[in-house]
Amino acid sequence: MNLPIVCTVTAAELRERRKTVLNGIRARAIDAAPITDGYAYRFAPSGEALNQLSQLISLERQCCRFLTFKMVVEAGEQPFQLEVTGPPEAQPIIKDLFGE
């Protein structure tokens, strides 16, 4: 599916989202690595981190419909992984929102 590279939140909404959700997620990231079509972010396993990641995915899939999110939660106490991918034109957006 080829969706337009358009974010539907206003600049004010994006600033608020950065303060309330994105900055907290970025601070929790253990590391980030480029993958095909995007980035993979790892997080220490905790219920709070998992809840924040779920909230983030729910918010972002509403406004950035061109992005694909994949959560990997392995058995035991392994770090969680969030993969965010999209078309080549979306790579700067992924870096800006989630870091690199």
N, C-alpha and C. Protein backbone atom coordinates (compact mmCIF):
# COMPACT_ATOMS: atom_id res chain seq x y z
N MET A 1 0.84 -1.17 0.00
CA MET A 1 0.00 0.00 0.00
C MET A 1 0.89 1.24 0.00
N ASN A 2 0.58 2.16 -0.84
CA ASN A 2 1.36 3.39 -0.96
C ASN A 2 0.58 4.56 -0.37
N LEU A 3 0.87 4.89 0.87
CA LEU A 3 0.19 5.99 1.54
C LEU A 3 1.02 7.25 1.45
N PRO A 4 0.39 8.42 1.38
CA PRO A 4 1.16 9.66 1.32
C PRO A 4 1.95 9.90 2.59
N ILE A 5 3.13 10.53 2.43
CA ILE A 5 4.00 10.86 3.56
C ILE A 5 3.51 12.17 4.15
N VAL A 6 2.50 12.06 4.99
CA VAL A 6 1.86 13.23 5.59
C VAL A 6 1.57 12.93 7.05
N CYS A 7 1.97 13.83 7.92
CA CYS A 7 1.64 13.73 9.34
C CYS A 7 0.45 14.65 9.58
N THR A 8 -0.57 14.15 10.25
CA THR A 8 -1.80 14.92 10.39
C THR A 8 -1.90 15.73 11.68
N VAL A 9 -0.86 15.72 12.53
CA VAL A 9 -0.92 16.54 13.74
C VAL A 9 -0.39 17.93 13.46
N THR A 10 -0.87 18.90 14.22
CA THR A 10 -0.39 20.27 14.07
C THR A 10 0.96 20.40 14.76
N ALA A 11 1.64 21.50 14.52
CA ALA A 11 2.93 21.75 15.16
C ALA A 11 2.77 21.78 16.69
N ALA A 12 1.71 22.38 17.17
CA ALA A 12 1.46 22.44 18.61
C ALA A 12 1.21 21.05 19.18
N GLU A 13 0.44 20.24 18.47
CA GLU A 13 0.17 18.87 18.92
C GLU A 13 1.46 18.05 18.94
N LEU A 14 2.31 18.25 17.94
CA LEU A 14 3.58 17.52 17.90
C LEU A 14 4.48 17.94 19.06
N ARG A 15 4.54 19.23 19.38
CA ARG A 15 5.33 19.68 20.54
C ARG A 15 4.82 19.02 21.82
N GLU A 16 3.51 18.98 21.98
CA GLU A 16 2.92 18.37 23.16
C GLU A 16 3.21 16.87 23.20
N ARG A 17 3.12 16.20 22.06
CA ARG A 17 3.40 14.77 21.99
C ARG A 17 4.86 14.49 22.32
N ARG A 18 5.75 15.36 21.87
CA ARG A 18 7.17 15.20 22.22
C ARG A 18 7.35 15.26 23.73
N LYS A 19 6.71 16.24 24.37
CA LYS A 19 6.84 16.41 25.82
C LYS A 19 6.23 15.26 26.59
N THR A 20 5.07 14.79 26.18
CA THR A 20 4.33 13.82 26.97
C THR A 20 4.63 12.36 26.63
N VAL A 21 5.04 12.07 25.40
CA VAL A 21 5.23 10.67 25.01
C VAL A 21 6.60 10.42 24.39
N LEU A 22 6.92 11.13 23.33
CA LEU A 22 8.13 10.82 22.56
C LEU A 22 9.41 10.97 23.36
N ASN A 23 9.56 12.05 24.11
CA ASN A 23 10.81 12.24 24.86
C ASN A 23 10.99 11.15 25.91
N GLY A 24 9.91 10.72 26.54
CA GLY A 24 10.00 9.65 27.52
C GLY A 24 10.42 8.33 26.89
N ILE A 25 9.88 8.05 25.72
CA ILE A 25 10.26 6.82 25.00
C ILE A 25 11.72 6.91 24.57
N ARG A 26 12.12 8.03 24.02
CA ARG A 26 13.51 8.18 23.58
C ARG A 26 14.48 8.02 24.74
N ALA A 27 14.10 8.53 25.91
CA ALA A 27 14.97 8.43 27.08
C ALA A 27 15.10 6.99 27.56
N ARG A 28 14.10 6.17 27.32
CA ARG A 28 14.12 4.77 27.75
C ARG A 28 14.91 3.86 26.80
N ALA A 29 15.16 4.33 25.59
CA ALA A 29 15.82 3.47 24.60
C ALA A 29 17.23 3.10 25.05
N ILE A 30 17.53 1.81 24.97
CA ILE A 30 18.87 1.32 25.27
C ILE A 30 19.79 1.62 24.10
N ASP A 31 19.28 1.36 22.90
CA ASP A 31 20.04 1.67 21.69
C ASP A 31 19.11 1.69 20.49
N ALA A 32 19.65 2.15 19.39
CA ALA A 32 18.92 2.20 18.12
C ALA A 32 19.87 1.72 17.03
N ALA A 33 19.32 1.04 16.05
CA ALA A 33 20.13 0.54 14.95
C ALA A 33 19.33 0.65 13.65
N PRO A 34 20.00 1.06 12.58
CA PRO A 34 19.29 1.09 11.30
C PRO A 34 18.96 -0.33 10.84
N ILE A 35 17.79 -0.48 10.27
CA ILE A 35 17.38 -1.73 9.64
C ILE A 35 16.84 -1.37 8.27
N THR A 36 16.52 -2.36 7.47
CA THR A 36 15.96 -2.10 6.16
C THR A 36 14.69 -1.26 6.32
N ASP A 37 14.66 -0.12 5.68
CA ASP A 37 13.49 0.77 5.65
C ASP A 37 13.18 1.49 6.96
N GLY A 38 14.11 1.50 7.93
CA GLY A 38 13.83 2.22 9.16
C GLY A 38 14.85 1.98 10.25
N TYR A 39 14.36 1.92 11.49
CA TYR A 39 15.22 1.75 12.65
C TYR A 39 14.60 0.77 13.63
N ALA A 40 15.46 0.10 14.39
CA ALA A 40 15.03 -0.76 15.49
C ALA A 40 15.53 -0.14 16.79
N TYR A 41 14.64 -0.04 17.75
CA TYR A 41 14.95 0.54 19.05
C TYR A 41 14.75 -0.53 20.12
N ARG A 42 15.71 -0.64 21.04
CA ARG A 42 15.61 -1.62 22.12
C ARG A 42 15.36 -0.90 23.44
N PHE A 43 14.56 -1.55 24.29
CA PHE A 43 14.16 -0.98 25.58
C PHE A 43 14.30 -2.03 26.66
N ALA A 44 14.72 -1.60 27.85
CA ALA A 44 14.78 -2.51 28.99
C ALA A 44 13.36 -3.01 29.27
N PRO A 45 13.23 -4.30 29.59
CA PRO A 45 11.90 -4.85 29.79
C PRO A 45 11.26 -4.35 31.09
N SER A 46 10.13 -3.70 30.96
CA SER A 46 9.33 -3.30 32.12
C SER A 46 7.91 -3.10 31.64
N GLY A 47 6.98 -3.27 32.55
CA GLY A 47 5.58 -3.05 32.21
C GLY A 47 5.30 -1.62 31.80
N GLU A 48 5.97 -0.67 32.48
CA GLU A 48 5.77 0.74 32.15
C GLU A 48 6.26 1.05 30.73
N ALA A 49 7.43 0.52 30.38
CA ALA A 49 7.96 0.74 29.02
C ALA A 49 7.02 0.14 27.98
N LEU A 50 6.52 -1.05 28.24
CA LEU A 50 5.61 -1.70 27.31
C LEU A 50 4.33 -0.89 27.14
N ASN A 51 3.80 -0.36 28.23
CA ASN A 51 2.61 0.49 28.14
C ASN A 51 2.88 1.76 27.35
N GLN A 52 4.03 2.40 27.59
CA GLN A 52 4.37 3.62 26.86
C GLN A 52 4.54 3.34 25.37
N LEU A 53 5.18 2.22 25.04
CA LEU A 53 5.36 1.87 23.62
C LEU A 53 4.02 1.61 22.95
N SER A 54 3.12 0.93 23.64
CA SER A 54 1.79 0.67 23.09
C SER A 54 1.03 1.97 22.86
N GLN A 55 1.13 2.89 23.80
CA GLN A 55 0.48 4.19 23.66
C GLN A 55 1.07 4.95 22.46
N LEU A 56 2.39 4.92 22.35
CA LEU A 56 3.05 5.60 21.24
C LEU A 56 2.60 5.04 19.90
N ILE A 57 2.58 3.73 19.78
CA ILE A 57 2.17 3.11 18.52
C ILE A 57 0.73 3.50 18.19
N SER A 58 -0.14 3.48 19.18
CA SER A 58 -1.53 3.85 18.95
C SER A 58 -1.65 5.29 18.45
N LEU A 59 -0.92 6.20 19.05
CA LEU A 59 -0.95 7.60 18.63
C LEU A 59 -0.37 7.79 17.23
N GLU A 60 0.80 7.22 17.00
CA GLU A 60 1.51 7.46 15.75
C GLU A 60 0.84 6.81 14.54
N ARG A 61 0.18 5.69 14.73
CA ARG A 61 -0.46 5.06 13.58
C ARG A 61 -1.69 5.83 13.14
N GLN A 62 -2.20 6.72 14.00
CA GLN A 62 -3.32 7.58 13.62
C GLN A 62 -2.87 8.76 12.77
N CYS A 63 -1.69 9.30 13.07
CA CYS A 63 -1.27 10.52 12.38
C CYS A 63 -0.23 10.27 11.29
N CYS A 64 0.56 9.23 11.42
CA CYS A 64 1.59 8.92 10.41
C CYS A 64 1.27 7.54 9.84
N ARG A 65 0.22 7.48 9.07
CA ARG A 65 -0.29 6.21 8.56
C ARG A 65 0.66 5.49 7.63
N PHE A 66 1.69 6.17 7.16
CA PHE A 66 2.66 5.59 6.25
C PHE A 66 3.73 4.78 6.98
N LEU A 67 3.76 4.83 8.31
CA LEU A 67 4.76 4.10 9.09
C LEU A 67 4.23 2.73 9.49
N THR A 68 5.14 1.77 9.59
CA THR A 68 4.82 0.44 10.07
C THR A 68 5.55 0.22 11.38
N PHE A 69 4.85 -0.33 12.37
CA PHE A 69 5.41 -0.58 13.70
C PHE A 69 5.38 -2.07 13.97
N LYS A 70 6.48 -2.56 14.51
CA LYS A 70 6.56 -3.96 14.88
C LYS A 70 7.20 -4.05 16.25
N MET A 71 6.46 -4.60 17.22
CA MET A 71 6.98 -4.80 18.58
C MET A 71 7.41 -6.25 18.72
N VAL A 72 8.57 -6.45 19.29
CA VAL A 72 9.06 -7.80 19.57
C VAL A 72 9.30 -7.89 21.07
N VAL A 73 8.55 -8.77 21.71
CA VAL A 73 8.68 -8.99 23.15
C VAL A 73 9.02 -10.47 23.31
N GLU A 74 10.28 -10.72 23.66
CA GLU A 74 10.75 -12.10 23.75
C GLU A 74 10.51 -12.66 25.15
N ALA A 75 10.62 -13.97 25.26
CA ALA A 75 10.43 -14.65 26.54
C ALA A 75 11.46 -14.17 27.56
N GLY A 76 11.08 -14.29 28.82
CA GLY A 76 12.00 -13.93 29.89
C GLY A 76 12.15 -12.42 30.01
N GLU A 77 13.28 -12.02 30.47
CA GLU A 77 13.56 -10.60 30.71
C GLU A 77 14.44 -9.99 29.62
N GLN A 78 14.21 -10.38 28.39
CA GLN A 78 14.96 -9.82 27.27
C GLN A 78 14.44 -8.41 26.96
N PRO A 79 15.31 -7.54 26.44
CA PRO A 79 14.83 -6.21 26.05
C PRO A 79 13.73 -6.29 24.99
N PHE A 80 12.81 -5.34 25.02
CA PHE A 80 11.79 -5.20 23.99
C PHE A 80 12.44 -4.55 22.78
N GLN A 81 11.88 -4.81 21.63
CA GLN A 81 12.35 -4.14 20.42
C GLN A 81 11.17 -3.54 19.69
N LEU A 82 11.32 -2.29 19.27
CA LEU A 82 10.33 -1.62 18.44
C LEU A 82 11.00 -1.32 17.11
N GLU A 83 10.42 -1.84 16.04
CA GLU A 83 10.90 -1.53 14.70
C GLU A 83 9.92 -0.56 14.06
N VAL A 84 10.46 0.54 13.55
CA VAL A 84 9.65 1.55 12.87
C VAL A 84 10.19 1.65 11.45
N THR A 85 9.34 1.35 10.48
CA THR A 85 9.77 1.37 9.09
C THR A 85 8.77 2.15 8.24
N GLY A 86 9.23 2.49 7.05
CA GLY A 86 8.39 3.21 6.11
C GLY A 86 9.10 3.35 4.79
N PRO A 87 8.49 4.05 3.86
CA PRO A 87 9.13 4.27 2.56
C PRO A 87 10.39 5.13 2.72
N PRO A 88 11.26 5.14 1.72
CA PRO A 88 12.51 5.89 1.83
C PRO A 88 12.32 7.36 2.23
N GLU A 89 11.27 7.99 1.74
CA GLU A 89 11.04 9.41 2.08
C GLU A 89 10.69 9.60 3.55
N ALA A 90 10.32 8.53 4.25
CA ALA A 90 9.93 8.62 5.66
C ALA A 90 11.11 8.52 6.61
N GLN A 91 12.28 8.15 6.12
CA GLN A 91 13.43 7.95 7.01
C GLN A 91 13.77 9.18 7.84
N PRO A 92 13.79 10.38 7.26
CA PRO A 92 14.06 11.57 8.11
C PRO A 92 13.01 11.80 9.19
N ILE A 93 11.77 11.44 8.90
CA ILE A 93 10.70 11.60 9.88
C ILE A 93 10.90 10.64 11.03
N ILE A 94 11.25 9.39 10.71
CA ILE A 94 11.51 8.39 11.76
C ILE A 94 12.64 8.86 12.65
N LYS A 95 13.73 9.31 12.04
CA LYS A 95 14.88 9.81 12.82
C LYS A 95 14.48 10.98 13.71
N ASP A 96 13.70 11.89 13.17
CA ASP A 96 13.31 13.08 13.93
C ASP A 96 12.41 12.70 15.11
N LEU A 97 11.45 11.84 14.88
CA LEU A 97 10.51 11.49 15.94
C LEU A 97 11.11 10.57 16.99
N PHE A 98 11.84 9.56 16.55
CA PHE A 98 12.27 8.50 17.46
C PHE A 98 13.76 8.51 17.77
N GLY A 99 14.55 9.20 16.98
CA GLY A 99 16.00 9.23 17.19
C GLY A 99 16.69 8.21 16.32
N GLU A 100 18.02 8.25 16.39
CA GLU A 100 18.80 7.27 15.62
C GLU A 100 19.95 6.74 16.42
